[in-house]
Amino acid sequence: MSIETTAANEVTVLAQLGEMLRELLEEYGLDGEDIAEITMETTFHDDLELESVDLVALSGQLREHYGDRVNFATFIAERDLEEIIALTVGELVRYIVASLRATA
């Protein structure tokens, strides 16, 4: 698979993930306008202020969208607490793209 295809996949997955995160944040009463642009560098903890329980909700959204092709629990289980706190949207995007490619 070419670099261009990978980049296109990352852009698509970033857009899909951004939409899921906006839905999750709106459930907490945050207006879409209040949510800064979600980029590959956005962190779940510091930028989006998501807690571990929010990541569980996100895991459910990922399963709904991608089925068993993306295993968020495995992705998180491979990290220690500091890595989870520092987790960026881009790291998850790259994991989703790799998972989708592996099961294609």
PDB file of N, CA and C in Angstrom:
ATOM      1  N   MET A   1       0.853  -1.188   0.000  1.00  0.00           N
ATOM      2  CA  MET A   1       0.000   0.000   0.000  1.00  0.00           C
ATOM      3  C   MET A   1       0.894   1.244   0.000  1.00  0.00           C
ATOM      4  N   SER A   2       0.523   2.207  -0.770  1.00  0.00           N
ATOM      5  CA  SER A   2       1.375   3.385  -0.932  1.00  0.00           C
ATOM      6  C   SER A   2       1.221   4.368   0.229  1.00  0.00           C
ATOM      7  N   ILE A   3       2.190   5.258   0.325  1.00  0.00           N
ATOM      8  CA  ILE A   3       2.148   6.303   1.354  1.00  0.00           C
ATOM      9  C   ILE A   3       0.920   7.186   1.133  1.00  0.00           C
ATOM     10  N   GLU A   4       0.601   7.465  -0.127  1.00  0.00           N
ATOM     11  CA  GLU A   4      -0.560   8.319  -0.424  1.00  0.00           C
ATOM     12  C   GLU A   4      -1.845   7.669   0.078  1.00  0.00           C
ATOM     13  N   THR A   5      -1.971   6.338  -0.130  1.00  0.00           N
ATOM     14  CA  THR A   5      -3.166   5.636   0.323  1.00  0.00           C
ATOM     15  C   THR A   5      -3.246   5.670   1.844  1.00  0.00           C
ATOM     16  N   THR A   6      -2.112   5.449   2.504  1.00  0.00           N
ATOM     17  CA  THR A   6      -2.086   5.499   3.968  1.00  0.00           C
ATOM     18  C   THR A   6      -2.502   6.879   4.454  1.00  0.00           C
ATOM     19  N   ALA A   7      -1.969   7.921   3.835  1.00  0.00           N
ATOM     20  CA  ALA A   7      -2.322   9.296   4.226  1.00  0.00           C
ATOM     21  C   ALA A   7      -3.815   9.541   4.021  1.00  0.00           C
ATOM     22  N   ALA A   8      -4.354   9.083   2.894  1.00  0.00           N
ATOM     23  CA  ALA A   8      -5.783   9.256   2.620  1.00  0.00           C
ATOM     24  C   ALA A   8      -6.608   8.508   3.664  1.00  0.00           C
ATOM     25  N   ASN A   9      -6.162   7.289   4.015  1.00  0.00           N
ATOM     26  CA  ASN A   9      -6.873   6.518   5.032  1.00  0.00           C
ATOM     27  C   ASN A   9      -6.835   7.234   6.378  1.00  0.00           C
ATOM     28  N   GLU A  10      -5.681   7.810   6.716  1.00  0.00           N
ATOM     29  CA  GLU A  10      -5.562   8.526   7.992  1.00  0.00           C
ATOM     30  C   GLU A  10      -6.484   9.742   8.019  1.00  0.00           C
ATOM     31  N   VAL A  11      -6.589  10.447   6.897  1.00  0.00           N
ATOM     32  CA  VAL A  11      -7.477  11.616   6.832  1.00  0.00           C
ATOM     33  C   VAL A  11      -8.925  11.176   7.036  1.00  0.00           C
ATOM     34  N   THR A  12      -9.311  10.079   6.377  1.00  0.00           N
ATOM     35  CA  THR A  12     -10.679   9.565   6.489  1.00  0.00           C
ATOM     36  C   THR A  12     -10.972   9.115   7.919  1.00  0.00           C
ATOM     37  N   VAL A  13     -10.058   8.331   8.494  1.00  0.00           N
ATOM     38  CA  VAL A  13     -10.267   7.827   9.851  1.00  0.00           C
ATOM     39  C   VAL A  13     -10.270   8.979  10.858  1.00  0.00           C
ATOM     40  N   LEU A  14      -9.390   9.973  10.659  1.00  0.00           N
ATOM     41  CA  LEU A  14      -9.376  11.143  11.548  1.00  0.00           C
ATOM     42  C   LEU A  14     -10.731  11.843  11.514  1.00  0.00           C
ATOM     43  N   ALA A  15     -11.303  11.988  10.344  1.00  0.00           N
ATOM     44  CA  ALA A  15     -12.623  12.642  10.223  1.00  0.00           C
ATOM     45  C   ALA A  15     -13.688  11.812  10.942  1.00  0.00           C
ATOM     46  N   GLN A  16     -13.660  10.493  10.763  1.00  0.00           N
ATOM     47  CA  GLN A  16     -14.648   9.625  11.413  1.00  0.00           C
ATOM     48  C   GLN A  16     -14.480   9.655  12.929  1.00  0.00           C
ATOM     49  N   LEU A  17     -13.238   9.556  13.381  1.00  0.00           N
ATOM     50  CA  LEU A  17     -12.957   9.569  14.815  1.00  0.00           C
ATOM     51  C   LEU A  17     -13.327  10.925  15.415  1.00  0.00           C
ATOM     52  N   GLY A  18     -13.023  12.000  14.706  1.00  0.00           N
ATOM     53  CA  GLY A  18     -13.384  13.341  15.164  1.00  0.00           C
ATOM     54  C   GLY A  18     -14.882  13.466  15.377  1.00  0.00           C
ATOM     55  N   GLU A  19     -15.651  12.882  14.454  1.00  0.00           N
ATOM     56  CA  GLU A  19     -17.107  12.918  14.568  1.00  0.00           C
ATOM     57  C   GLU A  19     -17.568  12.145  15.806  1.00  0.00           C
ATOM     58  N   MET A  20     -16.966  10.977  16.037  1.00  0.00           N
ATOM     59  CA  MET A  20     -17.321  10.182  17.230  1.00  0.00           C
ATOM     60  C   MET A  20     -16.993  10.951  18.504  1.00  0.00           C
ATOM     61  N   LEU A  21     -15.836  11.603  18.528  1.00  0.00           N
ATOM     62  CA  LEU A  21     -15.428  12.362  19.716  1.00  0.00           C
ATOM     63  C   LEU A  21     -16.350  13.551  19.946  1.00  0.00           C
ATOM     64  N   ARG A  22     -16.767  14.224  18.873  1.00  0.00           N
ATOM     65  CA  ARG A  22     -17.700  15.352  19.028  1.00  0.00           C
ATOM     66  C   ARG A  22     -19.022  14.874  19.613  1.00  0.00           C
ATOM     67  N   GLU A  23     -19.523  13.728  19.127  1.00  0.00           N
ATOM     68  CA  GLU A  23     -20.772  13.171  19.667  1.00  0.00           C
ATOM     69  C   GLU A  23     -20.610  12.878  21.156  1.00  0.00           C
ATOM     70  N   LEU A  24     -19.483  12.276  21.516  1.00  0.00           N
ATOM     71  CA  LEU A  24     -19.209  11.937  22.906  1.00  0.00           C
ATOM     72  C   LEU A  24     -19.166  13.202  23.768  1.00  0.00           C
ATOM     73  N   LEU A  25     -18.477  14.231  23.294  1.00  0.00           N
ATOM     74  CA  LEU A  25     -18.349  15.479  24.048  1.00  0.00           C
ATOM     75  C   LEU A  25     -19.677  16.226  24.125  1.00  0.00           C
ATOM     76  N   GLU A  26     -20.484  16.129  23.075  1.00  0.00           N
ATOM     77  CA  GLU A  26     -21.791  16.797  23.090  1.00  0.00           C
ATOM     78  C   GLU A  26     -22.707  16.160  24.130  1.00  0.00           C
ATOM     79  N   GLU A  27     -22.516  14.858  24.390  1.00  0.00           N
ATOM     80  CA  GLU A  27     -23.301  14.188  25.445  1.00  0.00           C
ATOM     81  C   GLU A  27     -23.035  14.829  26.803  1.00  0.00           C
ATOM     82  N   TYR A  28     -21.856  15.446  26.956  1.00  0.00           N
ATOM     83  CA  TYR A  28     -21.505  16.116  28.205  1.00  0.00           C
ATOM     84  C   TYR A  28     -21.923  17.574  28.189  1.00  0.00           C
ATOM     85  N   GLY A  29     -22.686  17.950  27.177  1.00  0.00           N
ATOM     86  CA  GLY A  29     -23.197  19.305  27.125  1.00  0.00           C
ATOM     87  C   GLY A  29     -22.264  20.295  26.455  1.00  0.00           C
ATOM     88  N   LEU A  30     -21.196  19.806  25.864  1.00  0.00           N
ATOM     89  CA  LEU A  30     -20.309  20.713  25.128  1.00  0.00           C
ATOM     90  C   LEU A  30     -20.864  20.900  23.730  1.00  0.00           C
ATOM     91  N   ASP A  31     -20.976  22.112  23.327  1.00  0.00           N
ATOM     92  CA  ASP A  31     -21.450  22.428  21.990  1.00  0.00           C
ATOM     93  C   ASP A  31     -20.320  22.147  21.000  1.00  0.00           C
ATOM     94  N   GLY A  32     -20.665  21.724  19.809  1.00  0.00           N
ATOM     95  CA  GLY A  32     -19.666  21.472  18.776  1.00  0.00           C
ATOM     96  C   GLY A  32     -18.754  22.666  18.572  1.00  0.00           C
ATOM     97  N   GLU A  33     -19.281  23.860  18.816  1.00  0.00           N
ATOM     98  CA  GLU A  33     -18.493  25.085  18.659  1.00  0.00           C
ATOM     99  C   GLU A  33     -17.412  25.201  19.738  1.00  0.00           C
ATOM    100  N   ASP A  34     -17.702  24.598  20.907  1.00  0.00           N
ATOM    101  CA  ASP A  34     -16.758  24.676  22.022  1.00  0.00           C
ATOM    102  C   ASP A  34     -15.577  23.722  21.847  1.00  0.00           C
ATOM    103  N   ILE A  35     -15.728  22.794  20.936  1.00  0.00           N
ATOM    104  CA  ILE A  35     -14.710  21.767  20.752  1.00  0.00           C
ATOM    105  C   ILE A  35     -13.703  22.258  19.722  1.00  0.00           C
ATOM    106  N   ALA A  36     -12.468  22.382  20.165  1.00  0.00           N
ATOM    107  CA  ALA A  36     -11.409  22.829  19.255  1.00  0.00           C
ATOM    108  C   ALA A  36     -11.264  21.806  18.132  1.00  0.00           C
ATOM    109  N   GLU A  37     -10.647  22.207  17.071  1.00  0.00           N
ATOM    110  CA  GLU A  37     -10.418  21.290  15.963  1.00  0.00           C
ATOM    111  C   GLU A  37      -9.656  20.063  16.475  1.00  0.00           C
ATOM    112  N   ILE A  38     -10.123  18.906  16.084  1.00  0.00           N
ATOM    113  CA  ILE A  38      -9.475  17.661  16.499  1.00  0.00           C
ATOM    114  C   ILE A  38      -8.465  17.287  15.416  1.00  0.00           C
ATOM    115  N   THR A  39      -7.190  17.227  15.812  1.00  0.00           N
ATOM    116  CA  THR A  39      -6.113  16.924  14.871  1.00  0.00           C
ATOM    117  C   THR A  39      -5.373  15.668  15.341  1.00  0.00           C
ATOM    118  N   MET A  40      -4.383  15.257  14.570  1.00  0.00           N
ATOM    119  CA  MET A  40      -3.577  14.091  14.937  1.00  0.00           C
ATOM    120  C   MET A  40      -2.833  14.344  16.253  1.00  0.00           C
ATOM    121  N   GLU A  41      -2.548  15.612  16.573  1.00  0.00           N
ATOM    122  CA  GLU A  41      -1.788  15.944  17.789  1.00  0.00           C
ATOM    123  C   GLU A  41      -2.676  16.136  19.017  1.00  0.00           C
ATOM    124  N   THR A  42      -3.987  16.176  18.833  1.00  0.00           N
ATOM    125  CA  THR A  42      -4.910  16.371  19.951  1.00  0.00           C
ATOM    126  C   THR A  42      -4.756  15.219  20.945  1.00  0.00           C
ATOM    127  N   THR A  43      -4.650  15.563  22.232  1.00  0.00           N
ATOM    128  CA  THR A  43      -4.572  14.507  23.251  1.00  0.00           C
ATOM    129  C   THR A  43      -5.952  14.279  23.862  1.00  0.00           C
ATOM    130  N   PHE A  44      -6.211  13.023  24.193  1.00  0.00           N
ATOM    131  CA  PHE A  44      -7.511  12.686  24.782  1.00  0.00           C
ATOM    132  C   PHE A  44      -7.658  13.285  26.173  1.00  0.00           C
ATOM    133  N   HIS A  45      -6.583  13.271  26.947  1.00  0.00           N
ATOM    134  CA  HIS A  45      -6.668  13.719  28.341  1.00  0.00           C
ATOM    135  C   HIS A  45      -6.570  15.239  28.471  1.00  0.00           C
ATOM    136  N   ASP A  46      -5.462  15.823  28.006  1.00  0.00           N
ATOM    137  CA  ASP A  46      -5.239  17.255  28.222  1.00  0.00           C
ATOM    138  C   ASP A  46      -6.119  18.136  27.338  1.00  0.00           C
ATOM    139  N   ASP A  47      -6.234  17.787  26.059  1.00  0.00           N
ATOM    140  CA  ASP A  47      -6.994  18.645  25.136  1.00  0.00           C
ATOM    141  C   ASP A  47      -8.503  18.405  25.211  1.00  0.00           C
ATOM    142  N   LEU A  48      -8.905  17.136  25.217  1.00  0.00           N
ATOM    143  CA  LEU A  48     -10.334  16.823  25.197  1.00  0.00           C
ATOM    144  C   LEU A  48     -10.894  16.573  26.599  1.00  0.00           C
ATOM    145  N   GLU A  49      -9.986  16.452  27.577  1.00  0.00           N
ATOM    146  CA  GLU A  49     -10.368  16.234  28.975  1.00  0.00           C
ATOM    147  C   GLU A  49     -11.217  14.979  29.156  1.00  0.00           C
ATOM    148  N   LEU A  50     -10.877  13.935  28.407  1.00  0.00           N
ATOM    149  CA  LEU A  50     -11.596  12.671  28.537  1.00  0.00           C
ATOM    150  C   LEU A  50     -10.972  11.844  29.658  1.00  0.00           C
ATOM    151  N   GLU A  51     -11.821  11.165  30.391  1.00  0.00           N
ATOM    152  CA  GLU A  51     -11.390  10.271  31.471  1.00  0.00           C
ATOM    153  C   GLU A  51     -11.467   8.834  30.961  1.00  0.00           C
ATOM    154  N   SER A  52     -11.008   7.896  31.777  1.00  0.00           N
ATOM    155  CA  SER A  52     -11.002   6.495  31.339  1.00  0.00           C
ATOM    156  C   SER A  52     -12.400   5.991  30.999  1.00  0.00           C
ATOM    157  N   VAL A  53     -13.401   6.433  31.734  1.00  0.00           N
ATOM    158  CA  VAL A  53     -14.773   6.006  31.444  1.00  0.00           C
ATOM    159  C   VAL A  53     -15.207   6.498  30.056  1.00  0.00           C
ATOM    160  N   ASP A  54     -14.701   7.648  29.639  1.00  0.00           N
ATOM    161  CA  ASP A  54     -15.021   8.173  28.319  1.00  0.00           C
ATOM    162  C   ASP A  54     -14.382   7.306  27.232  1.00  0.00           C
ATOM    163  N   LEU A  55     -13.203   6.784  27.532  1.00  0.00           N
ATOM    164  CA  LEU A  55     -12.538   5.906  26.563  1.00  0.00           C
ATOM    165  C   LEU A  55     -13.328   4.609  26.388  1.00  0.00           C
ATOM    166  N   VAL A  56     -13.998   4.159  27.450  1.00  0.00           N
ATOM    167  CA  VAL A  56     -14.860   2.984  27.345  1.00  0.00           C
ATOM    168  C   VAL A  56     -16.027   3.291  26.393  1.00  0.00           C
ATOM    169  N   ALA A  57     -16.601   4.468  26.529  1.00  0.00           N
ATOM    170  CA  ALA A  57     -17.688   4.875  25.634  1.00  0.00           C
ATOM    171  C   ALA A  57     -17.187   4.977  24.198  1.00  0.00           C
ATOM    172  N   LEU A  58     -15.993   5.527  24.025  1.00  0.00           N
ATOM    173  CA  LEU A  58     -15.396   5.628  22.695  1.00  0.00           C
ATOM    174  C   LEU A  58     -15.168   4.238  22.113  1.00  0.00           C
ATOM    175  N   SER A  59     -14.737   3.311  22.947  1.00  0.00           N
ATOM    176  CA  SER A  59     -14.522   1.931  22.508  1.00  0.00           C
ATOM    177  C   SER A  59     -15.807   1.354  21.919  1.00  0.00           C
ATOM    178  N   GLY A  60     -16.926   1.637  22.567  1.00  0.00           N
ATOM    179  CA  GLY A  60     -18.226   1.179  22.060  1.00  0.00           C
ATOM    180  C   GLY A  60     -18.547   1.788  20.702  1.00  0.00           C
ATOM    181  N   GLN A  61     -18.253   3.071  20.546  1.00  0.00           N
ATOM    182  CA  GLN A  61     -18.494   3.736  19.262  1.00  0.00           C
ATOM    183  C   GLN A  61     -17.610   3.133  18.169  1.00  0.00           C
ATOM    184  N   LEU A  62     -16.360   2.860  18.504  1.00  0.00           N
ATOM    185  CA  LEU A  62     -15.447   2.260  17.529  1.00  0.00           C
ATOM    186  C   LEU A  62     -15.953   0.884  17.097  1.00  0.00           C
ATOM    187  N   ARG A  63     -16.439   0.101  18.066  1.00  0.00           N
ATOM    188  CA  ARG A  63     -16.963  -1.235  17.744  1.00  0.00           C
ATOM    189  C   ARG A  63     -18.184  -1.120  16.845  1.00  0.00           C
ATOM    190  N   GLU A  64     -19.070  -0.167  17.144  1.00  0.00           N
ATOM    191  CA  GLU A  64     -20.253   0.037  16.302  1.00  0.00           C
ATOM    192  C   GLU A  64     -19.846   0.384  14.878  1.00  0.00           C
ATOM    193  N   HIS A  65     -18.852   1.244  14.742  1.00  0.00           N
ATOM    194  CA  HIS A  65     -18.454   1.739  13.419  1.00  0.00           C
ATOM    195  C   HIS A  65     -17.607   0.735  12.639  1.00  0.00           C
ATOM    196  N   TYR A  66     -16.642   0.126  13.304  1.00  0.00           N
ATOM    197  CA  TYR A  66     -15.680  -0.737  12.608  1.00  0.00           C
ATOM    198  C   TYR A  66     -15.873  -2.225  12.891  1.00  0.00           C
ATOM    199  N   GLY A  67     -16.773  -2.582  13.800  1.00  0.00           N
ATOM    200  CA  GLY A  67     -16.958  -3.993  14.145  1.00  0.00           C
ATOM    201  C   GLY A  67     -15.745  -4.528  14.890  1.00  0.00           C
ATOM    202  N   ASP A  68     -15.487  -5.816  14.716  1.00  0.00           N
ATOM    203  CA  ASP A  68     -14.379  -6.464  15.422  1.00  0.00           C
ATOM    204  C   ASP A  68     -13.028  -6.198  14.778  1.00  0.00           C
ATOM    205  N   ARG A  69     -13.015  -5.427  13.707  1.00  0.00           N
ATOM    206  CA  ARG A  69     -11.754  -5.168  12.993  1.00  0.00           C
ATOM    207  C   ARG A  69     -10.815  -4.275  13.796  1.00  0.00           C
ATOM    208  N   VAL A  70     -11.361  -3.482  14.718  1.00  0.00           N
ATOM    209  CA  VAL A  70     -10.545  -2.585  15.549  1.00  0.00           C
ATOM    210  C   VAL A  70     -10.793  -2.949  17.012  1.00  0.00           C
ATOM    211  N   ASN A  71      -9.736  -3.422  17.689  1.00  0.00           N
ATOM    212  CA  ASN A  71      -9.874  -3.834  19.087  1.00  0.00           C
ATOM    213  C   ASN A  71      -9.225  -2.777  19.989  1.00  0.00           C
ATOM    214  N   PHE A  72     -10.049  -1.850  20.458  1.00  0.00           N
ATOM    215  CA  PHE A  72      -9.565  -0.744  21.276  1.00  0.00           C
ATOM    216  C   PHE A  72      -8.996  -1.234  22.604  1.00  0.00           C
ATOM    217  N   ALA A  73      -9.610  -2.286  23.161  1.00  0.00           N
ATOM    218  CA  ALA A  73      -9.133  -2.817  24.449  1.00  0.00           C
ATOM    219  C   ALA A  73      -7.684  -3.305  24.329  1.00  0.00           C
ATOM    220  N   THR A  74      -7.371  -3.970  23.237  1.00  0.00           N
ATOM    221  CA  THR A  74      -5.996  -4.435  23.002  1.00  0.00           C
ATOM    222  C   THR A  74      -5.061  -3.241  22.851  1.00  0.00           C
ATOM    223  N   PHE A  75      -5.510  -2.241  22.112  1.00  0.00           N
ATOM    224  CA  PHE A  75      -4.712  -1.028  21.892  1.00  0.00           C
ATOM    225  C   PHE A  75      -4.352  -0.368  23.221  1.00  0.00           C
ATOM    226  N   ILE A  76      -5.323  -0.235  24.111  1.00  0.00           N
ATOM    227  CA  ILE A  76      -5.107   0.410  25.412  1.00  0.00           C
ATOM    228  C   ILE A  76      -4.298  -0.496  26.344  1.00  0.00           C
ATOM    229  N   ALA A  77      -4.555  -1.803  26.303  1.00  0.00           N
ATOM    230  CA  ALA A  77      -3.896  -2.746  27.212  1.00  0.00           C
ATOM    231  C   ALA A  77      -2.382  -2.770  27.030  1.00  0.00           C
ATOM    232  N   GLU A  78      -1.911  -2.398  25.846  1.00  0.00           N
ATOM    233  CA  GLU A  78      -0.478  -2.414  25.567  1.00  0.00           C
ATOM    234  C   GLU A  78       0.242  -1.187  26.132  1.00  0.00           C
ATOM    235  N   ARG A  79      -0.494  -0.286  26.788  1.00  0.00           N
ATOM    236  CA  ARG A  79       0.092   0.962  27.274  1.00  0.00           C
ATOM    237  C   ARG A  79       0.026   1.059  28.795  1.00  0.00           C
ATOM    238  N   ASP A  80       1.014   1.771  29.372  1.00  0.00           N
ATOM    239  CA  ASP A  80       0.946   2.032  30.807  1.00  0.00           C
ATOM    240  C   ASP A  80       0.170   3.336  31.027  1.00  0.00           C
ATOM    241  N   LEU A  81      -0.056   3.682  32.280  1.00  0.00           N
ATOM    242  CA  LEU A  81      -0.896   4.835  32.615  1.00  0.00           C
ATOM    243  C   LEU A  81      -0.389   6.131  31.997  1.00  0.00           C
ATOM    244  N   GLU A  82       0.932   6.381  32.067  1.00  0.00           N
ATOM    245  CA  GLU A  82       1.479   7.627  31.495  1.00  0.00           C
ATOM    246  C   GLU A  82       1.235   7.693  29.982  1.00  0.00           C
ATOM    247  N   GLU A  83       1.368   6.544  29.318  1.00  0.00           N
ATOM    248  CA  GLU A  83       1.148   6.506  27.865  1.00  0.00           C
ATOM    249  C   GLU A  83      -0.326   6.753  27.526  1.00  0.00           C
ATOM    250  N   ILE A  84      -1.206   6.222  28.357  1.00  0.00           N
ATOM    251  CA  ILE A  84      -2.642   6.436  28.131  1.00  0.00           C
ATOM    252  C   ILE A  84      -2.978   7.916  28.347  1.00  0.00           C
ATOM    253  N   ILE A  85      -2.416   8.519  29.382  1.00  0.00           N
ATOM    254  CA  ILE A  85      -2.671   9.937  29.654  1.00  0.00           C
ATOM    255  C   ILE A  85      -2.150  10.804  28.505  1.00  0.00           C
ATOM    256  N   ALA A  86      -1.027  10.413  27.903  1.00  0.00           N
ATOM    257  CA  ALA A  86      -0.414  11.190  26.822  1.00  0.00           C
ATOM    258  C   ALA A  86      -0.952  10.803  25.439  1.00  0.00           C
ATOM    259  N   LEU A  87      -1.881   9.872  25.377  1.00  0.00           N
ATOM    260  CA  LEU A  87      -2.380   9.339  24.108  1.00  0.00           C
ATOM    261  C   LEU A  87      -2.940  10.435  23.200  1.00  0.00           C
ATOM    262  N   THR A  88      -2.524  10.400  21.945  1.00  0.00           N
ATOM    263  CA  THR A  88      -3.034  11.379  20.981  1.00  0.00           C
ATOM    264  C   THR A  88      -4.040  10.720  20.038  1.00  0.00           C
ATOM    265  N   VAL A  89      -4.849  11.551  19.435  1.00  0.00           N
ATOM    266  CA  VAL A  89      -5.807  11.091  18.434  1.00  0.00           C
ATOM    267  C   VAL A  89      -5.050  10.411  17.291  1.00  0.00           C
ATOM    268  N   GLY A  90      -3.904  10.975  16.913  1.00  0.00           N
ATOM    269  CA  GLY A  90      -3.109  10.416  15.821  1.00  0.00           C
ATOM    270  C   GLY A  90      -2.657   8.990  16.084  1.00  0.00           C
ATOM    271  N   GLU A  91      -2.273   8.693  17.328  1.00  0.00           N
ATOM    272  CA  GLU A  91      -1.868   7.322  17.658  1.00  0.00           C
ATOM    273  C   GLU A  91      -3.029   6.357  17.427  1.00  0.00           C
ATOM    274  N   LEU A  92      -4.226   6.758  17.838  1.00  0.00           N
ATOM    275  CA  LEU A  92      -5.398   5.908  17.649  1.00  0.00           C
ATOM    276  C   LEU A  92      -5.746   5.807  16.166  1.00  0.00           C
ATOM    277  N   VAL A  93      -5.654   6.911  15.443  1.00  0.00           N
ATOM    278  CA  VAL A  93      -5.929   6.897  13.996  1.00  0.00           C
ATOM    279  C   VAL A  93      -5.002   5.902  13.298  1.00  0.00           C
ATOM    280  N   ARG A  94      -3.704   5.968  13.610  1.00  0.00           N
ATOM    281  CA  ARG A  94      -2.740   5.056  12.961  1.00  0.00           C
ATOM    282  C   ARG A  94      -3.040   3.603  13.325  1.00  0.00           C
ATOM    283  N   TYR A  95      -3.457   3.360  14.570  1.00  0.00           N
ATOM    284  CA  TYR A  95      -3.819   2.001  14.987  1.00  0.00           C
ATOM    285  C   TYR A  95      -5.040   1.508  14.207  1.00  0.00           C
ATOM    286  N   ILE A  96      -6.049   2.373  14.068  1.00  0.00           N
ATOM    287  CA  ILE A  96      -7.266   1.984  13.330  1.00  0.00           C
ATOM    288  C   ILE A  96      -6.912   1.675  11.878  1.00  0.00           C
ATOM    289  N   VAL A  97      -6.125   2.540  11.237  1.00  0.00           N
ATOM    290  CA  VAL A  97      -5.736   2.319   9.840  1.00  0.00           C
ATOM    291  C   VAL A  97      -4.995   0.985   9.711  1.00  0.00           C
ATOM    292  N   ALA A  98      -4.050   0.717  10.617  1.00  0.00           N
ATOM    293  CA  ALA A  98      -3.298  -0.540  10.571  1.00  0.00           C
ATOM    294  C   ALA A  98      -4.218  -1.746  10.790  1.00  0.00           C
ATOM    295  N   SER A  99      -5.159  -1.628  11.715  1.00  0.00           N
ATOM    296  CA  SER A  99      -6.093  -2.721  11.995  1.00  0.00           C
ATOM    297  C   SER A  99      -6.996  -2.993  10.794  1.00  0.00           C
ATOM    298  N   LEU A 100      -7.483  -1.927  10.177  1.00  0.00           N
ATOM    299  CA  LEU A 100      -8.356  -2.091   9.010  1.00  0.00           C
ATOM    300  C   LEU A 100      -7.573  -2.718   7.855  1.00  0.00           C
ATOM    301  N   ARG A 101      -6.329  -2.296   7.686  1.00  0.00           N
ATOM    302  CA  ARG A 101      -5.489  -2.832   6.614  1.00  0.00           C
ATOM    303  C   ARG A 101      -5.210  -4.320   6.867  1.00  0.00           C
ATOM    304  N   ALA A 102      -4.952  -4.675   8.142  1.00  0.00           N
ATOM    305  CA  ALA A 102      -4.623  -6.067   8.485  1.00  0.00           C
ATOM    306  C   ALA A 102      -5.807  -7.006   8.258  1.00  0.00           C
ATOM    307  N   THR A 103      -7.017  -6.479   8.342  1.00  0.00           N
ATOM    308  CA  THR A 103      -8.208  -7.319   8.184  1.00  0.00           C
ATOM    309  C   THR A 103      -8.873  -7.148   6.822  1.00  0.00           C
ATOM    310  N   ALA A 104      -8.238  -6.356   5.951  1.00  0.00           N
ATOM    311  CA  ALA A 104      -8.839  -6.111   4.622  1.00  0.00           C
ATOM    312  C   ALA A 104      -8.722  -7.328   3.740  1.00  0.00           C
TER     313      ALA A 104
END
